[in-house]
All heavy atoms as atom14 arrays in JSON, in Angstrom:
{
  "sequence": "WLRKVPEPTEGDVKWAAERYREHFGSEALSVIGEHTLAASFAPDGRHR",
  "atom14_mask": [
    [1, 1, 1, 1, 1, 1, 1, 1, 1, 1, 1, 1, 1, 1],
    [1, 1, 1, 1, 1, 1, 1, 1, 0, 0, 0, 0, 0, 0],
    [1, 1, 1, 1, 1, 1, 1, 1, 1, 1, 1, 0, 0, 0],
    [1, 1, 1, 1, 1, 1, 1, 1, 1, 0, 0, 0, 0, 0],
    [1, 1, 1, 1, 1, 1, 1, 0, 0, 0, 0, 0, 0, 0],
    [1, 1, 1, 1, 1, 1, 1, 0, 0, 0, 0, 0, 0, 0],
    [1, 1, 1, 1, 1, 1, 1, 1, 1, 0, 0, 0, 0, 0],
    [1, 1, 1, 1, 1, 1, 1, 0, 0, 0, 0, 0, 0, 0],
    [1, 1, 1, 1, 1, 1, 1, 0, 0, 0, 0, 0, 0, 0],
    [1, 1, 1, 1, 1, 1, 1, 1, 1, 0, 0, 0, 0, 0],
    [1, 1, 1, 1, 0, 0, 0, 0, 0, 0, 0, 0, 0, 0],
    [1, 1, 1, 1, 1, 1, 1, 1, 0, 0, 0, 0, 0, 0],
    [1, 1, 1, 1, 1, 1, 1, 0, 0, 0, 0, 0, 0, 0],
    [1, 1, 1, 1, 1, 1, 1, 1, 1, 0, 0, 0, 0, 0],
    [1, 1, 1, 1, 1, 1, 1, 1, 1, 1, 1, 1, 1, 1],
    [1, 1, 1, 1, 1, 0, 0, 0, 0, 0, 0, 0, 0, 0],
    [1, 1, 1, 1, 1, 0, 0, 0, 0, 0, 0, 0, 0, 0],
    [1, 1, 1, 1, 1, 1, 1, 1, 1, 0, 0, 0, 0, 0],
    [1, 1, 1, 1, 1, 1, 1, 1, 1, 1, 1, 0, 0, 0],
    [1, 1, 1, 1, 1, 1, 1, 1, 1, 1, 1, 1, 0, 0],
    [1, 1, 1, 1, 1, 1, 1, 1, 1, 1, 1, 0, 0, 0],
    [1, 1, 1, 1, 1, 1, 1, 1, 1, 0, 0, 0, 0, 0],
    [1, 1, 1, 1, 1, 1, 1, 1, 1, 1, 0, 0, 0, 0],
    [1, 1, 1, 1, 1, 1, 1, 1, 1, 1, 1, 0, 0, 0],
    [1, 1, 1, 1, 0, 0, 0, 0, 0, 0, 0, 0, 0, 0],
    [1, 1, 1, 1, 1, 1, 0, 0, 0, 0, 0, 0, 0, 0],
    [1, 1, 1, 1, 1, 1, 1, 1, 1, 0, 0, 0, 0, 0],
    [1, 1, 1, 1, 1, 0, 0, 0, 0, 0, 0, 0, 0, 0],
    [1, 1, 1, 1, 1, 1, 1, 1, 0, 0, 0, 0, 0, 0],
    [1, 1, 1, 1, 1, 1, 0, 0, 0, 0, 0, 0, 0, 0],
    [1, 1, 1, 1, 1, 1, 1, 0, 0, 0, 0, 0, 0, 0],
    [1, 1, 1, 1, 1, 1, 1, 1, 0, 0, 0, 0, 0, 0],
    [1, 1, 1, 1, 0, 0, 0, 0, 0, 0, 0, 0, 0, 0],
    [1, 1, 1, 1, 1, 1, 1, 1, 1, 0, 0, 0, 0, 0],
    [1, 1, 1, 1, 1, 1, 1, 1, 1, 1, 0, 0, 0, 0],
    [1, 1, 1, 1, 1, 1, 1, 0, 0, 0, 0, 0, 0, 0],
    [1, 1, 1, 1, 1, 1, 1, 1, 0, 0, 0, 0, 0, 0],
    [1, 1, 1, 1, 1, 0, 0, 0, 0, 0, 0, 0, 0, 0],
    [1, 1, 1, 1, 1, 0, 0, 0, 0, 0, 0, 0, 0, 0],
    [1, 1, 1, 1, 1, 1, 0, 0, 0, 0, 0, 0, 0, 0],
    [1, 1, 1, 1, 1, 1, 1, 1, 1, 1, 1, 0, 0, 0],
    [1, 1, 1, 1, 1, 0, 0, 0, 0, 0, 0, 0, 0, 0],
    [1, 1, 1, 1, 1, 1, 1, 0, 0, 0, 0, 0, 0, 0],
    [1, 1, 1, 1, 1, 1, 1, 1, 0, 0, 0, 0, 0, 0],
    [1, 1, 1, 1, 0, 0, 0, 0, 0, 0, 0, 0, 0, 0],
    [1, 1, 1, 1, 1, 1, 1, 1, 1, 1, 1, 0, 0, 0],
    [1, 1, 1, 1, 1, 1, 1, 1, 1, 1, 0, 0, 0, 0],
    [1, 1, 1, 1, 1, 1, 1, 1, 1, 1, 1, 0, 0, 0]
  ],
  "atom14_positions": [
    [[-11.1, -184.54, -119.19], [-10.82, -183.22, -119.74], [-11.61, -183.01, -121.04], [-12.1, -181.92, -121.3], [-9.32, -183.09, -120.0], [-8.94, -181.81, -120.65], [-8.85, -180.58, -120.08], [-8.59, -181.63, -122.03], [-8.47, -179.64, -121.0], [-8.3, -180.27, -122.21], [-8.51, -182.49, -123.11], [-7.93, -179.75, -123.44], [-8.13, -181.97, -124.33], [-7.85, -180.61, -124.48]],
    [[-11.76, -184.06, -121.85], [-12.48, -183.95, -123.12], [-13.96, -183.7, -122.93], [-14.58, -182.99, -123.73], [-12.3, -185.22, -123.95], [-11.0, -185.38, -124.71], [-11.01, -186.71, -125.47], [-10.77, -184.24, -125.67], [0.0, 0.0, 0.0], [0.0, 0.0, 0.0], [0.0, 0.0, 0.0], [0.0, 0.0, 0.0], [0.0, 0.0, 0.0], [0.0, 0.0, 0.0]],
    [[-14.55, -184.28, -121.9], [-15.99, -184.16, -121.76], [-16.45, -183.0, -120.9], [-17.6, -182.93, -120.5], [-16.59, -185.45, -121.25], [-16.1, -185.87, -119.9], [-16.93, -186.98, -119.37], [-17.41, -186.5, -118.09], [-17.74, -187.26, -117.1], [-17.7, -188.54, -117.23], [-18.13, -186.74, -115.96], [0.0, 0.0, 0.0], [0.0, 0.0, 0.0], [0.0, 0.0, 0.0]],
    [[-15.57, -182.1, -120.57], [-15.97, -180.92, -119.78], [-17.03, -180.14, -120.55], [-16.87, -179.81, -121.71], [-14.76, -180.03, -119.52], [-13.8, -180.61, -118.54], [-13.8, -179.77, -117.3], [-12.69, -180.23, -116.4], [-13.16, -180.89, -115.25], [0.0, 0.0, 0.0], [0.0, 0.0, 0.0], [0.0, 0.0, 0.0], [0.0, 0.0, 0.0], [0.0, 0.0, 0.0]],
    [[-18.11, -179.86, -119.87], [-19.22, -179.12, -120.46], [-19.24, -177.74, -119.8], [-19.2, -177.64, -118.58], [-20.55, -179.86, -120.21], [-21.71, -179.08, -120.78], [-20.49, -181.24, -120.8], [0.0, 0.0, 0.0], [0.0, 0.0, 0.0], [0.0, 0.0, 0.0], [0.0, 0.0, 0.0], [0.0, 0.0, 0.0], [0.0, 0.0, 0.0], [0.0, 0.0, 0.0]],
    [[-19.33, -176.68, -120.6], [-19.35, -175.34, -119.99], [-20.63, -175.13, -119.18], [-21.68, -175.72, -119.47], [-19.29, -174.4, -121.19], [-19.78, -175.2, -122.35], [-19.42, -176.62, -122.06], [0.0, 0.0, 0.0], [0.0, 0.0, 0.0], [0.0, 0.0, 0.0], [0.0, 0.0, 0.0], [0.0, 0.0, 0.0], [0.0, 0.0, 0.0], [0.0, 0.0, 0.0]],
    [[-20.53, -174.29, -118.18], [-21.7, -173.94, -117.36], [-22.72, -173.2, -118.22], [-22.35, -172.45, -119.12], [-21.27, -173.06, -116.19], [-20.5, -173.79, -115.12], [-21.34, -174.77, -114.35], [-22.53, -174.49, -114.08], [-20.82, -175.85, -114.04], [0.0, 0.0, 0.0], [0.0, 0.0, 0.0], [0.0, 0.0, 0.0], [0.0, 0.0, 0.0], [0.0, 0.0, 0.0]],
    [[-24.02, -173.38, -117.95], [-25.04, -172.66, -118.71], [-24.93, -171.16, -118.51], [-24.6, -170.68, -117.43], [-26.35, -173.18, -118.12], [-26.01, -174.41, -117.38], [-24.58, -174.3, -116.99], [0.0, 0.0, 0.0], [0.0, 0.0, 0.0], [0.0, 0.0, 0.0], [0.0, 0.0, 0.0], [0.0, 0.0, 0.0], [0.0, 0.0, 0.0], [0.0, 0.0, 0.0]],
    [[-25.23, -170.43, -119.57], [-25.17, -168.98, -119.5], [-26.43, -168.43, -118.82], [-27.38, -169.18, -118.56], [-25.07, -168.38, -120.91], [-26.26, -168.71, -121.64], [-23.84, -168.91, -121.64], [0.0, 0.0, 0.0], [0.0, 0.0, 0.0], [0.0, 0.0, 0.0], [0.0, 0.0, 0.0], [0.0, 0.0, 0.0], [0.0, 0.0, 0.0], [0.0, 0.0, 0.0]],
    [[-26.42, -167.16, -118.56], [-27.6, -166.52, -117.95], [-28.79, -166.58, -118.91], [-29.94, -166.7, -118.49], [-27.26, -165.06, -117.59], [-28.17, -164.46, -116.57], [-28.17, -165.21, -115.24], [-27.12, -165.71, -114.81], [-29.26, -165.31, -114.64], [0.0, 0.0, 0.0], [0.0, 0.0, 0.0], [0.0, 0.0, 0.0], [0.0, 0.0, 0.0], [0.0, 0.0, 0.0]],
    [[-28.5, -166.52, -120.22], [-29.56, -166.65, -121.21], [-30.21, -168.03, -121.17], [-31.44, -168.15, -121.33], [0.0, 0.0, 0.0], [0.0, 0.0, 0.0], [0.0, 0.0, 0.0], [0.0, 0.0, 0.0], [0.0, 0.0, 0.0], [0.0, 0.0, 0.0], [0.0, 0.0, 0.0], [0.0, 0.0, 0.0], [0.0, 0.0, 0.0], [0.0, 0.0, 0.0]],
    [[-29.41, -169.07, -120.96], [-29.96, -170.43, -120.82], [-30.86, -170.53, -119.61], [-31.92, -171.18, -119.66], [-28.82, -171.45, -120.7], [-27.96, -171.54, -121.93], [-28.46, -171.23, -123.03], [-26.77, -171.9, -121.79], [0.0, 0.0, 0.0], [0.0, 0.0, 0.0], [0.0, 0.0, 0.0], [0.0, 0.0, 0.0], [0.0, 0.0, 0.0], [0.0, 0.0, 0.0]],
    [[-30.46, -169.88, -118.53], [-31.26, -169.91, -117.3], [-32.59, -169.21, -117.52], [-33.65, -169.73, -117.14], [-30.48, -169.26, -116.14], [-31.36, -169.08, -114.92], [-29.25, -170.09, -115.79], [0.0, 0.0, 0.0], [0.0, 0.0, 0.0], [0.0, 0.0, 0.0], [0.0, 0.0, 0.0], [0.0, 0.0, 0.0], [0.0, 0.0, 0.0], [0.0, 0.0, 0.0]],
    [[-32.56, -168.05, -118.16], [-33.8, -167.32, -118.41], [-34.71, -168.09, -119.37], [-35.93, -168.11, -119.19], [-33.48, -165.93, -118.96], [-32.88, -165.03, -117.91], [-32.62, -163.66, -118.43], [-32.0, -162.84, -117.29], [-31.85, -161.46, -117.59], [0.0, 0.0, 0.0], [0.0, 0.0, 0.0], [0.0, 0.0, 0.0], [0.0, 0.0, 0.0], [0.0, 0.0, 0.0]],
    [[-34.12, -168.74, -120.37], [-34.9, -169.52, -121.32], [-35.59, -170.68, -120.6], [-36.77, -170.94, -120.82], [-33.98, -170.05, -122.42], [-34.69, -170.85, -123.46], [-35.38, -170.38, -124.54], [-34.78, -172.27, -123.51], [-35.9, -171.43, -125.25], [-35.54, -172.6, -124.64], [-34.29, -173.29, -122.72], [-35.82, -173.92, -124.99], [-34.57, -174.6, -123.07], [-35.33, -174.89, -124.19]],
    [[-34.86, -171.38, -119.72], [-35.44, -172.5, -118.98], [-36.55, -172.01, -118.04], [-37.59, -172.66, -117.9], [-34.36, -173.22, -118.19], [0.0, 0.0, 0.0], [0.0, 0.0, 0.0], [0.0, 0.0, 0.0], [0.0, 0.0, 0.0], [0.0, 0.0, 0.0], [0.0, 0.0, 0.0], [0.0, 0.0, 0.0], [0.0, 0.0, 0.0], [0.0, 0.0, 0.0]],
    [[-36.33, -170.85, -117.4], [-37.36, -170.3, -116.51], [-38.63, -169.97, -117.29], [-39.74, -170.24, -116.82], [-36.82, -169.06, -115.79], [0.0, 0.0, 0.0], [0.0, 0.0, 0.0], [0.0, 0.0, 0.0], [0.0, 0.0, 0.0], [0.0, 0.0, 0.0], [0.0, 0.0, 0.0], [0.0, 0.0, 0.0], [0.0, 0.0, 0.0], [0.0, 0.0, 0.0]],
    [[-38.47, -169.42, -118.49], [-39.63, -169.13, -119.33], [-40.38, -170.4, -119.69], [-41.61, -170.44, -119.66], [-39.19, -168.44, -120.62], [-38.76, -167.01, -120.47], [-38.24, -166.46, -121.78], [-38.58, -167.01, -122.86], [-37.49, -165.47, -121.75], [0.0, 0.0, 0.0], [0.0, 0.0, 0.0], [0.0, 0.0, 0.0], [0.0, 0.0, 0.0], [0.0, 0.0, 0.0]],
    [[-39.63, -171.45, -120.03], [-40.26, -172.72, -120.4], [-41.01, -173.34, -119.21], [-42.1, -173.88, -119.38], [-39.23, -173.72, -120.94], [-38.6, -173.32, -122.23], [-39.65, -173.16, -123.34], [-39.16, -172.4, -124.44], [-39.34, -171.09, -124.64], [-40.02, -170.38, -123.78], [-38.87, -170.49, -125.7], [0.0, 0.0, 0.0], [0.0, 0.0, 0.0], [0.0, 0.0, 0.0]],
    [[-40.42, -173.29, -118.03], [-41.11, -173.8, -116.84], [-42.4, -173.0, -116.6], [-43.44, -173.57, -116.32], [-40.21, -173.71, -115.6], [-39.41, -174.96, -115.34], [-38.1, -175.07, -115.76], [-39.97, -176.04, -114.65], [-37.36, -176.22, -115.51], [-39.25, -177.18, -114.4], [-37.95, -177.27, -114.84], [-37.23, -178.4, -114.59], [0.0, 0.0, 0.0], [0.0, 0.0, 0.0]],
    [[-42.29, -171.69, -116.68], [-43.46, -170.83, -116.45], [-44.53, -171.1, -117.51], [-45.72, -171.2, -117.22], [-43.04, -169.36, -116.5], [-44.16, -168.38, -116.4], [-44.77, -168.25, -115.04], [-43.78, -167.83, -114.08], [-43.73, -168.3, -112.84], [-44.62, -169.17, -112.43], [-42.82, -167.89, -112.01], [0.0, 0.0, 0.0], [0.0, 0.0, 0.0], [0.0, 0.0, 0.0]],
    [[-44.1, -171.27, -118.76], [-45.04, -171.49, -119.86], [-45.73, -172.86, -119.73], [-46.93, -172.98, -119.94], [-44.26, -171.43, -121.18], [-45.07, -171.64, -122.43], [-44.17, -171.58, -123.65], [-43.53, -170.53, -123.87], [-44.1, -172.59, -124.37], [0.0, 0.0, 0.0], [0.0, 0.0, 0.0], [0.0, 0.0, 0.0], [0.0, 0.0, 0.0], [0.0, 0.0, 0.0]],
    [[-44.98, -173.87, -119.36], [-45.53, -175.22, -119.33], [-46.32, -175.51, -118.04], [-47.36, -176.17, -118.09], [-44.39, -176.23, -119.49], [-44.87, -177.63, -119.69], [-45.46, -178.06, -120.85], [-44.86, -178.71, -118.86], [-45.79, -179.33, -120.74], [-45.43, -179.75, -119.53], [0.0, 0.0, 0.0], [0.0, 0.0, 0.0], [0.0, 0.0, 0.0], [0.0, 0.0, 0.0]],
    [[-45.83, -175.05, -116.91], [-46.45, -175.4, -115.63], [-47.26, -174.28, -115.01], [-47.94, -174.5, -114.0], [-45.38, -175.87, -114.63], [-44.69, -177.13, -115.07], [-43.38, -177.08, -115.5], [-45.34, -178.34, -115.06], [-42.72, -178.23, -115.9], [-44.71, -179.5, -115.46], [-43.39, -179.44, -115.89], [0.0, 0.0, 0.0], [0.0, 0.0, 0.0], [0.0, 0.0, 0.0]],
    [[-47.14, -173.06, -115.52], [-47.92, -171.95, -115.02], [-47.6, -171.6, -113.58], [-46.44, -171.46, -113.2], [0.0, 0.0, 0.0], [0.0, 0.0, 0.0], [0.0, 0.0, 0.0], [0.0, 0.0, 0.0], [0.0, 0.0, 0.0], [0.0, 0.0, 0.0], [0.0, 0.0, 0.0], [0.0, 0.0, 0.0], [0.0, 0.0, 0.0], [0.0, 0.0, 0.0]],
    [[-48.63, -171.51, -112.75], [-48.42, -171.11, -111.35], [-47.76, -172.21, -110.52], [-47.27, -171.95, -109.43], [-49.75, -170.71, -110.72], [-50.62, -171.83, -110.7], [0.0, 0.0, 0.0], [0.0, 0.0, 0.0], [0.0, 0.0, 0.0], [0.0, 0.0, 0.0], [0.0, 0.0, 0.0], [0.0, 0.0, 0.0], [0.0, 0.0, 0.0], [0.0, 0.0, 0.0]],
    [[-47.74, -173.43, -111.03], [-47.13, -174.54, -110.31], [-45.64, -174.69, -110.62], [-45.01, -175.65, -110.18], [-47.84, -175.85, -110.67], [-49.28, -175.9, -110.24], [-49.41, -175.88, -108.73], [-48.66, -176.63, -108.06], [-50.23, -175.12, -108.23], [0.0, 0.0, 0.0], [0.0, 0.0, 0.0], [0.0, 0.0, 0.0], [0.0, 0.0, 0.0], [0.0, 0.0, 0.0]],
    [[-45.07, -173.76, -111.38], [-43.68, -173.9, -111.84], [-42.7, -174.03, -110.69], [-41.78, -174.84, -110.75], [-43.31, -172.71, -112.73], [0.0, 0.0, 0.0], [0.0, 0.0, 0.0], [0.0, 0.0, 0.0], [0.0, 0.0, 0.0], [0.0, 0.0, 0.0], [0.0, 0.0, 0.0], [0.0, 0.0, 0.0], [0.0, 0.0, 0.0], [0.0, 0.0, 0.0]],
    [[-42.89, -173.25, -109.63], [-41.95, -173.3, -108.51], [-41.99, -174.65, -107.78], [-40.94, -175.19, -107.41], [-42.21, -172.17, -107.53], [-41.6, -170.83, -107.91], [-42.06, -169.75, -106.95], [-40.09, -170.91, -107.95], [0.0, 0.0, 0.0], [0.0, 0.0, 0.0], [0.0, 0.0, 0.0], [0.0, 0.0, 0.0], [0.0, 0.0, 0.0], [0.0, 0.0, 0.0]],
    [[-43.17, -175.2, -107.59], [-43.23, -176.49, -106.9], [-42.69, -177.62, -107.79], [-42.02, -178.53, -107.31], [-44.66, -176.8, -106.46], [-45.51, -176.93, -107.57], [0.0, 0.0, 0.0], [0.0, 0.0, 0.0], [0.0, 0.0, 0.0], [0.0, 0.0, 0.0], [0.0, 0.0, 0.0], [0.0, 0.0, 0.0], [0.0, 0.0, 0.0], [0.0, 0.0, 0.0]],
    [[-42.94, -177.53, -109.08], [-42.44, -178.56, -110.0], [-40.92, -178.51, -110.07], [-40.25, -179.55, -110.02], [-43.06, -178.39, -111.4], [-42.36, -179.27, -112.42], [-44.54, -178.69, -111.36], [0.0, 0.0, 0.0], [0.0, 0.0, 0.0], [0.0, 0.0, 0.0], [0.0, 0.0, 0.0], [0.0, 0.0, 0.0], [0.0, 0.0, 0.0], [0.0, 0.0, 0.0]],
    [[-40.36, -177.3, -110.18], [-38.9, -177.22, -110.26], [-38.27, -177.62, -108.93], [-37.16, -178.15, -108.9], [-38.43, -175.82, -110.71], [-37.01, -175.9, -111.24], [-38.51, -174.81, -109.6], [-36.56, -174.71, -112.0], [0.0, 0.0, 0.0], [0.0, 0.0, 0.0], [0.0, 0.0, 0.0], [0.0, 0.0, 0.0], [0.0, 0.0, 0.0], [0.0, 0.0, 0.0]],
    [[-38.98, -177.45, -107.83], [-38.49, -177.95, -106.55], [-38.38, -179.47, -106.55], [-37.4, -180.03, -106.06], [0.0, 0.0, 0.0], [0.0, 0.0, 0.0], [0.0, 0.0, 0.0], [0.0, 0.0, 0.0], [0.0, 0.0, 0.0], [0.0, 0.0, 0.0], [0.0, 0.0, 0.0], [0.0, 0.0, 0.0], [0.0, 0.0, 0.0], [0.0, 0.0, 0.0]],
    [[-39.37, -180.13, -107.12], [-39.32, -181.59, -107.23], [-38.19, -182.02, -108.16], [-37.49, -183.0, -107.9], [-40.65, -182.13, -107.74], [-41.79, -181.94, -106.74], [-43.14, -182.29, -107.34], [-43.18, -182.74, -108.51], [-44.14, -182.09, -106.64], [0.0, 0.0, 0.0], [0.0, 0.0, 0.0], [0.0, 0.0, 0.0], [0.0, 0.0, 0.0], [0.0, 0.0, 0.0]],
    [[-37.99, -181.29, -109.27], [-36.91, -181.61, -110.19], [-35.55, -181.4, -109.52], [-34.62, -182.19, -109.74], [-37.01, -180.76, -111.45], [-38.18, -181.12, -112.31], [-38.52, -180.4, -113.42], [-39.08, -182.13, -112.23], [-39.58, -180.94, -113.99], [-39.93, -181.98, -113.27], [0.0, 0.0, 0.0], [0.0, 0.0, 0.0], [0.0, 0.0, 0.0], [0.0, 0.0, 0.0]],
    [[-35.43, -180.37, -108.71], [-34.18, -180.12, -107.99], [-33.9, -181.23, -107.0], [-32.75, -181.68, -106.86], [-34.24, -178.76, -107.27], [-34.55, -177.74, -108.23], [-32.92, -178.43, -106.61], [0.0, 0.0, 0.0], [0.0, 0.0, 0.0], [0.0, 0.0, 0.0], [0.0, 0.0, 0.0], [0.0, 0.0, 0.0], [0.0, 0.0, 0.0], [0.0, 0.0, 0.0]],
    [[-34.93, -181.69, -106.32], [-34.75, -182.81, -105.4], [-34.3, -184.06, -106.14], [-33.38, -184.76, -105.71], [-36.06, -183.08, -104.65], [-36.03, -184.26, -103.68], [-35.02, -183.99, -102.57], [-37.41, -184.51, -103.13], [0.0, 0.0, 0.0], [0.0, 0.0, 0.0], [0.0, 0.0, 0.0], [0.0, 0.0, 0.0], [0.0, 0.0, 0.0], [0.0, 0.0, 0.0]],
    [[-34.9, -184.34, -107.29], [-34.5, -185.5, -108.09], [-33.06, -185.34, -108.6], [-32.32, -186.32, -108.69], [-35.46, -185.69, -109.25], [0.0, 0.0, 0.0], [0.0, 0.0, 0.0], [0.0, 0.0, 0.0], [0.0, 0.0, 0.0], [0.0, 0.0, 0.0], [0.0, 0.0, 0.0], [0.0, 0.0, 0.0], [0.0, 0.0, 0.0], [0.0, 0.0, 0.0]],
    [[-32.66, -184.11, -108.92], [-31.31, -183.87, -109.44], [-30.26, -184.06, -108.37], [-29.07, -184.19, -108.68], [-31.21, -182.46, -110.03], [0.0, 0.0, 0.0], [0.0, 0.0, 0.0], [0.0, 0.0, 0.0], [0.0, 0.0, 0.0], [0.0, 0.0, 0.0], [0.0, 0.0, 0.0], [0.0, 0.0, 0.0], [0.0, 0.0, 0.0], [0.0, 0.0, 0.0]],
    [[-30.66, -184.07, -107.1], [-29.67, -184.27, -106.05], [-29.1, -185.69, -106.06], [-28.08, -185.95, -105.42], [-30.27, -183.95, -104.68], [-31.29, -184.87, -104.38], [0.0, 0.0, 0.0], [0.0, 0.0, 0.0], [0.0, 0.0, 0.0], [0.0, 0.0, 0.0], [0.0, 0.0, 0.0], [0.0, 0.0, 0.0], [0.0, 0.0, 0.0], [0.0, 0.0, 0.0]],
    [[-29.71, -186.6, -106.79], [-29.2, -187.96, -106.9], [-28.24, -188.13, -108.08], [-27.74, -189.22, -108.3], [-30.36, -188.95, -107.03], [-31.22, -189.0, -105.81], [-32.44, -188.36, -105.77], [-30.78, -189.66, -104.69], [-33.24, -188.4, -104.64], [-31.56, -189.71, -103.54], [-32.79, -189.07, -103.52], [0.0, 0.0, 0.0], [0.0, 0.0, 0.0], [0.0, 0.0, 0.0]],
    [[-28.01, -187.07, -108.83], [-27.09, -187.14, -109.97], [-25.66, -187.27, -109.47], [-25.33, -186.85, -108.36], [-27.24, -185.88, -110.83], [0.0, 0.0, 0.0], [0.0, 0.0, 0.0], [0.0, 0.0, 0.0], [0.0, 0.0, 0.0], [0.0, 0.0, 0.0], [0.0, 0.0, 0.0], [0.0, 0.0, 0.0], [0.0, 0.0, 0.0], [0.0, 0.0, 0.0]],
    [[-24.78, -187.86, -110.3], [-23.4, -188.06, -109.85], [-22.61, -186.78, -109.6], [-21.72, -186.75, -108.77], [-22.76, -188.87, -110.97], [-23.73, -188.93, -112.07], [-25.04, -188.44, -111.59], [0.0, 0.0, 0.0], [0.0, 0.0, 0.0], [0.0, 0.0, 0.0], [0.0, 0.0, 0.0], [0.0, 0.0, 0.0], [0.0, 0.0, 0.0], [0.0, 0.0, 0.0]],
    [[-22.92, -185.72, -110.32], [-22.27, -184.44, -110.05], [-23.34, -183.38, -109.81], [-24.51, -183.63, -110.01], [-21.31, -184.03, -111.18], [-22.03, -183.81, -112.51], [-23.24, -184.04, -112.58], [-21.36, -183.41, -113.47], [0.0, 0.0, 0.0], [0.0, 0.0, 0.0], [0.0, 0.0, 0.0], [0.0, 0.0, 0.0], [0.0, 0.0, 0.0], [0.0, 0.0, 0.0]],
    [[-22.94, -182.2, -109.39], [-23.91, -181.19, -108.98], [-24.28, -180.17, -110.04], [-24.95, -179.2, -109.74], [0.0, 0.0, 0.0], [0.0, 0.0, 0.0], [0.0, 0.0, 0.0], [0.0, 0.0, 0.0], [0.0, 0.0, 0.0], [0.0, 0.0, 0.0], [0.0, 0.0, 0.0], [0.0, 0.0, 0.0], [0.0, 0.0, 0.0], [0.0, 0.0, 0.0]],
    [[-23.86, -180.4, -111.3], [-24.12, -179.38, -112.32], [-25.6, -179.15, -112.56], [-26.07, -178.02, -112.65], [-23.45, -179.77, -113.64], [-21.97, -179.55, -113.64], [-21.39, -179.85, -114.97], [-21.48, -181.29, -115.16], [-21.09, -181.9, -116.25], [-20.61, -181.23, -117.25], [-21.17, -183.2, -116.37], [0.0, 0.0, 0.0], [0.0, 0.0, 0.0], [0.0, 0.0, 0.0]],
    [[-26.37, -180.24, -112.69], [-27.79, -180.09, -112.99], [-28.53, -179.43, -111.83], [-29.39, -178.57, -112.03], [-28.39, -181.46, -113.3], [-29.78, -181.41, -113.83], [-30.08, -180.81, -115.03], [-30.95, -181.85, -113.32], [-31.39, -180.89, -115.24], [-31.94, -181.52, -114.22], [0.0, 0.0, 0.0], [0.0, 0.0, 0.0], [0.0, 0.0, 0.0], [0.0, 0.0, 0.0]],
    [[-28.16, -179.8, -110.61], [-28.8, -179.2, -109.43], [-28.48, -177.71, -109.34], [-29.35, -176.9, -109.01], [-28.34, -179.92, -108.17], [-29.13, -179.53, -106.96], [-28.86, -180.52, -105.83], [-29.82, -180.39, -104.77], [-29.69, -179.54, -103.77], [-28.65, -178.76, -103.7], [-30.6, -179.48, -102.83], [0.0, 0.0, 0.0], [0.0, 0.0, 0.0], [0.0, 0.0, 0.0]]
  ]
}
């Protein structure tokens, strides 16, 4: 109960999308796909 982390806001999502676009450019979608695949091994599904 103490370590519950709130879900990211829509602003956090937009900020992360901007950073992916800024850093990876046109490859952002393929890179985030690889990151999503890697996140599927996490113990919970929040990151995915």
